[in-house]
Amino acid sequence: MFLSQDDALIFAVANNPIDADDPQAVLRASRDAQVADGTLREDNELDLLGMPGRRSVIDKRGENGQPISLVVVQGIKGKQYYQLICVSAPGQDNSPRIQRFLKSFARASR
């Protein structure tokens, strides 16, 4: 996958239901798996409209060895585990396009 400075791969995932006494432990474990071959640049616990959540920025290499940045926002509502994932060129992880995508889910959830 090739990413130019203006491009971003953006998607949302609803994962299989989970059973967790400590939602943040589940979110940390998922984050750790995503960071395994990269570098964790940012990591923050969030309250996503009442859901336990986490936002992480991870720098790593794509399939072709090209540097990429991932913005991963995770949340758990009841037993449902959600992820918003944005893959971009380095330095574009806070672009207006990515911010619009992330904010659109906050509006849709209200």
C-alpha atoms as a PDB file:
ATOM      1  CA  MET A   1       0.000   0.000   0.000  1.00  0.00           C
ATOM      2  CA  PHE A   2       1.428   3.401  -0.988  1.00  0.00           C
ATOM      3  CA  LEU A   3       0.355   6.497   0.890  1.00  0.00           C
ATOM      4  CA  SER A   4       1.055   9.981  -0.412  1.00  0.00           C
ATOM      5  CA  GLN A   5       1.045  13.014   1.877  1.00  0.00           C
ATOM      6  CA  ASP A   6      -2.631  13.650   1.097  1.00  0.00           C
ATOM      7  CA  ASP A   7      -3.904  10.089   1.434  1.00  0.00           C
ATOM      8  CA  ALA A   8      -5.194   8.166   4.399  1.00  0.00           C
ATOM      9  CA  LEU A   9      -6.736   4.732   4.723  1.00  0.00           C
ATOM     10  CA  ILE A  10      -9.626   5.109   7.154  1.00  0.00           C
ATOM     11  CA  PHE A  11     -11.982   2.459   8.494  1.00  0.00           C
ATOM     12  CA  ALA A  12     -14.157   1.416  11.416  1.00  0.00           C
ATOM     13  CA  VAL A  13     -14.322  -2.079  12.877  1.00  0.00           C
ATOM     14  CA  ALA A  14     -16.882  -3.669  15.199  1.00  0.00           C
ATOM     15  CA  ASN A  15     -15.102  -6.691  16.653  1.00  0.00           C
ATOM     16  CA  ASN A  16     -16.512  -9.858  18.183  1.00  0.00           C
ATOM     17  CA  PRO A  17     -18.253  -9.333  21.526  1.00  0.00           C
ATOM     18  CA  ILE A  18     -15.959  -9.527  24.541  1.00  0.00           C
ATOM     19  CA  ASP A  19     -16.420 -10.313  28.194  1.00  0.00           C
ATOM     20  CA  ALA A  20     -14.200  -8.065  30.307  1.00  0.00           C
ATOM     21  CA  ASP A  21     -14.223  -7.010  33.931  1.00  0.00           C
ATOM     22  CA  ASP A  22     -11.586  -4.357  33.154  1.00  0.00           C
ATOM     23  CA  PRO A  23     -12.292  -2.698  29.770  1.00  0.00           C
ATOM     24  CA  GLN A  24      -9.057  -0.656  29.899  1.00  0.00           C
ATOM     25  CA  ALA A  25      -7.056  -3.894  30.256  1.00  0.00           C
ATOM     26  CA  VAL A  26      -8.648  -5.155  27.015  1.00  0.00           C
ATOM     27  CA  LEU A  27      -7.883  -1.852  25.279  1.00  0.00           C
ATOM     28  CA  ARG A  28      -4.257  -1.871  26.508  1.00  0.00           C
ATOM     29  CA  ALA A  29      -3.761  -5.473  25.311  1.00  0.00           C
ATOM     30  CA  SER A  30      -5.114  -4.574  21.860  1.00  0.00           C
ATOM     31  CA  ARG A  31      -2.873  -1.505  21.726  1.00  0.00           C
ATOM     32  CA  ASP A  32       0.156  -3.587  22.714  1.00  0.00           C
ATOM     33  CA  ALA A  33      -0.551  -6.084  19.920  1.00  0.00           C
ATOM     34  CA  GLN A  34      -0.719  -3.244  17.368  1.00  0.00           C
ATOM     35  CA  VAL A  35       2.524  -1.702  18.652  1.00  0.00           C
ATOM     36  CA  ALA A  36       4.447  -5.012  18.604  1.00  0.00           C
ATOM     37  CA  ASP A  37       6.550  -4.058  15.568  1.00  0.00           C
ATOM     38  CA  GLY A  38       6.310  -0.282  15.848  1.00  0.00           C
ATOM     39  CA  THR A  39       6.715   2.638  18.233  1.00  0.00           C
ATOM     40  CA  LEU A  40       3.979   4.000  20.469  1.00  0.00           C
ATOM     41  CA  ARG A  41       4.106   7.798  20.078  1.00  0.00           C
ATOM     42  CA  GLU A  42       0.917   8.780  21.951  1.00  0.00           C
ATOM     43  CA  ASP A  43      -1.462   6.903  24.218  1.00  0.00           C
ATOM     44  CA  ASN A  44      -4.378   8.280  26.230  1.00  0.00           C
ATOM     45  CA  GLU A  45      -7.373   6.862  28.035  1.00  0.00           C
ATOM     46  CA  LEU A  46     -10.613   8.487  26.860  1.00  0.00           C
ATOM     47  CA  ASP A  47     -14.238   8.738  27.802  1.00  0.00           C
ATOM     48  CA  LEU A  48     -16.101   8.220  24.517  1.00  0.00           C
ATOM     49  CA  LEU A  49     -19.600   9.458  25.280  1.00  0.00           C
ATOM     50  CA  GLY A  50     -19.654   7.320  28.413  1.00  0.00           C
ATOM     51  CA  MET A  51     -17.727   4.390  26.909  1.00  0.00           C
ATOM     52  CA  PRO A  52     -14.267   3.474  28.194  1.00  0.00           C
ATOM     53  CA  GLY A  53     -11.866   4.298  25.384  1.00  0.00           C
ATOM     54  CA  ARG A  54      -8.283   4.786  24.329  1.00  0.00           C
ATOM     55  CA  ARG A  55      -6.535   6.808  21.576  1.00  0.00           C
ATOM     56  CA  SER A  56      -3.093   5.727  20.378  1.00  0.00           C
ATOM     57  CA  VAL A  57      -0.728   6.933  17.678  1.00  0.00           C
ATOM     58  CA  ILE A  58       1.690   4.282  16.436  1.00  0.00           C
ATOM     59  CA  ASP A  59       4.601   4.701  14.039  1.00  0.00           C
ATOM     60  CA  LYS A  60       5.619   1.605  12.082  1.00  0.00           C
ATOM     61  CA  ARG A  61       6.456   0.300   8.630  1.00  0.00           C
ATOM     62  CA  GLY A  62       3.850  -0.759   6.092  1.00  0.00           C
ATOM     63  CA  GLU A  63       3.895  -3.972   4.067  1.00  0.00           C
ATOM     64  CA  ASN A  64       6.372  -2.482   1.584  1.00  0.00           C
ATOM     65  CA  GLY A  65       8.646  -1.074   4.311  1.00  0.00           C
ATOM     66  CA  GLN A  66       7.361   2.479   3.895  1.00  0.00           C
ATOM     67  CA  PRO A  67       6.937   4.439   7.166  1.00  0.00           C
ATOM     68  CA  ILE A  68       3.299   4.877   8.219  1.00  0.00           C
ATOM     69  CA  SER A  69       1.408   6.282  11.186  1.00  0.00           C
ATOM     70  CA  LEU A  70      -1.685   4.715  12.707  1.00  0.00           C
ATOM     71  CA  VAL A  71      -4.257   6.593  14.761  1.00  0.00           C
ATOM     72  CA  VAL A  72      -6.318   4.006  16.638  1.00  0.00           C
ATOM     73  CA  VAL A  73      -9.342   4.965  18.716  1.00  0.00           C
ATOM     74  CA  GLN A  74     -10.862   2.053  20.628  1.00  0.00           C
ATOM     75  CA  GLY A  75     -13.991   1.849  22.731  1.00  0.00           C
ATOM     76  CA  ILE A  76     -16.067  -0.708  24.563  1.00  0.00           C
ATOM     77  CA  LYS A  77     -19.814  -0.364  24.993  1.00  0.00           C
ATOM     78  CA  GLY A  78     -21.282  -3.218  26.989  1.00  0.00           C
ATOM     79  CA  LYS A  79     -19.703  -6.279  25.427  1.00  0.00           C
ATOM     80  CA  GLN A  80     -19.098  -4.700  22.015  1.00  0.00           C
ATOM     81  CA  TYR A  81     -15.534  -3.646  21.155  1.00  0.00           C
ATOM     82  CA  TYR A  82     -15.065  -0.949  18.481  1.00  0.00           C
ATOM     83  CA  GLN A  83     -12.001   0.419  16.693  1.00  0.00           C
ATOM     84  CA  LEU A  84     -11.543   3.417  14.421  1.00  0.00           C
ATOM     85  CA  ILE A  85      -8.273   3.065  12.520  1.00  0.00           C
ATOM     86  CA  CYS A  86      -6.590   5.687  10.351  1.00  0.00           C
ATOM     87  CA  VAL A  87      -3.412   4.846   8.433  1.00  0.00           C
ATOM     88  CA  SER A  88      -1.486   7.776   6.996  1.00  0.00           C
ATOM     89  CA  ALA A  89       1.899   8.960   5.849  1.00  0.00           C
ATOM     90  CA  PRO A  90       4.100  10.213   8.700  1.00  0.00           C
ATOM     91  CA  GLY A  91       3.146  13.724   9.748  1.00  0.00           C
ATOM     92  CA  GLN A  92      -0.407  13.367   8.423  1.00  0.00           C
ATOM     93  CA  ASP A  93      -1.871  11.549  11.440  1.00  0.00           C
ATOM     94  CA  ASN A  94      -3.601  14.719  12.652  1.00  0.00           C
ATOM     95  CA  SER A  95      -4.801  15.891   9.234  1.00  0.00           C
ATOM     96  CA  PRO A  96      -8.197  17.583   8.810  1.00  0.00           C
ATOM     97  CA  ARG A  97      -9.479  14.499   6.941  1.00  0.00           C
ATOM     98  CA  ILE A  98      -8.621  12.174   9.844  1.00  0.00           C
ATOM     99  CA  GLN A  99     -10.036  14.621  12.396  1.00  0.00           C
ATOM    100  CA  ARG A 100     -13.322  14.843  10.442  1.00  0.00           C
ATOM    101  CA  PHE A 101     -13.550  11.050  10.345  1.00  0.00           C
ATOM    102  CA  LEU A 102     -12.988  10.684  14.087  1.00  0.00           C
ATOM    103  CA  LYS A 103     -15.392  13.510  14.957  1.00  0.00           C
ATOM    104  CA  SER A 104     -18.093  12.056  12.698  1.00  0.00           C
ATOM    105  CA  PHE A 105     -18.416   9.065  15.014  1.00  0.00           C
ATOM    106  CA  ALA A 106     -18.920  11.295  18.045  1.00  0.00           C
ATOM    107  CA  ARG A 107     -21.788  13.030  16.209  1.00  0.00           C
ATOM    108  CA  ALA A 108     -23.268   9.729  14.991  1.00  0.00           C
ATOM    109  CA  SER A 109     -23.247   8.253  18.507  1.00  0.00           C
ATOM    110  CA  ARG A 110     -25.374  11.000  20.067  1.00  0.00           C
END
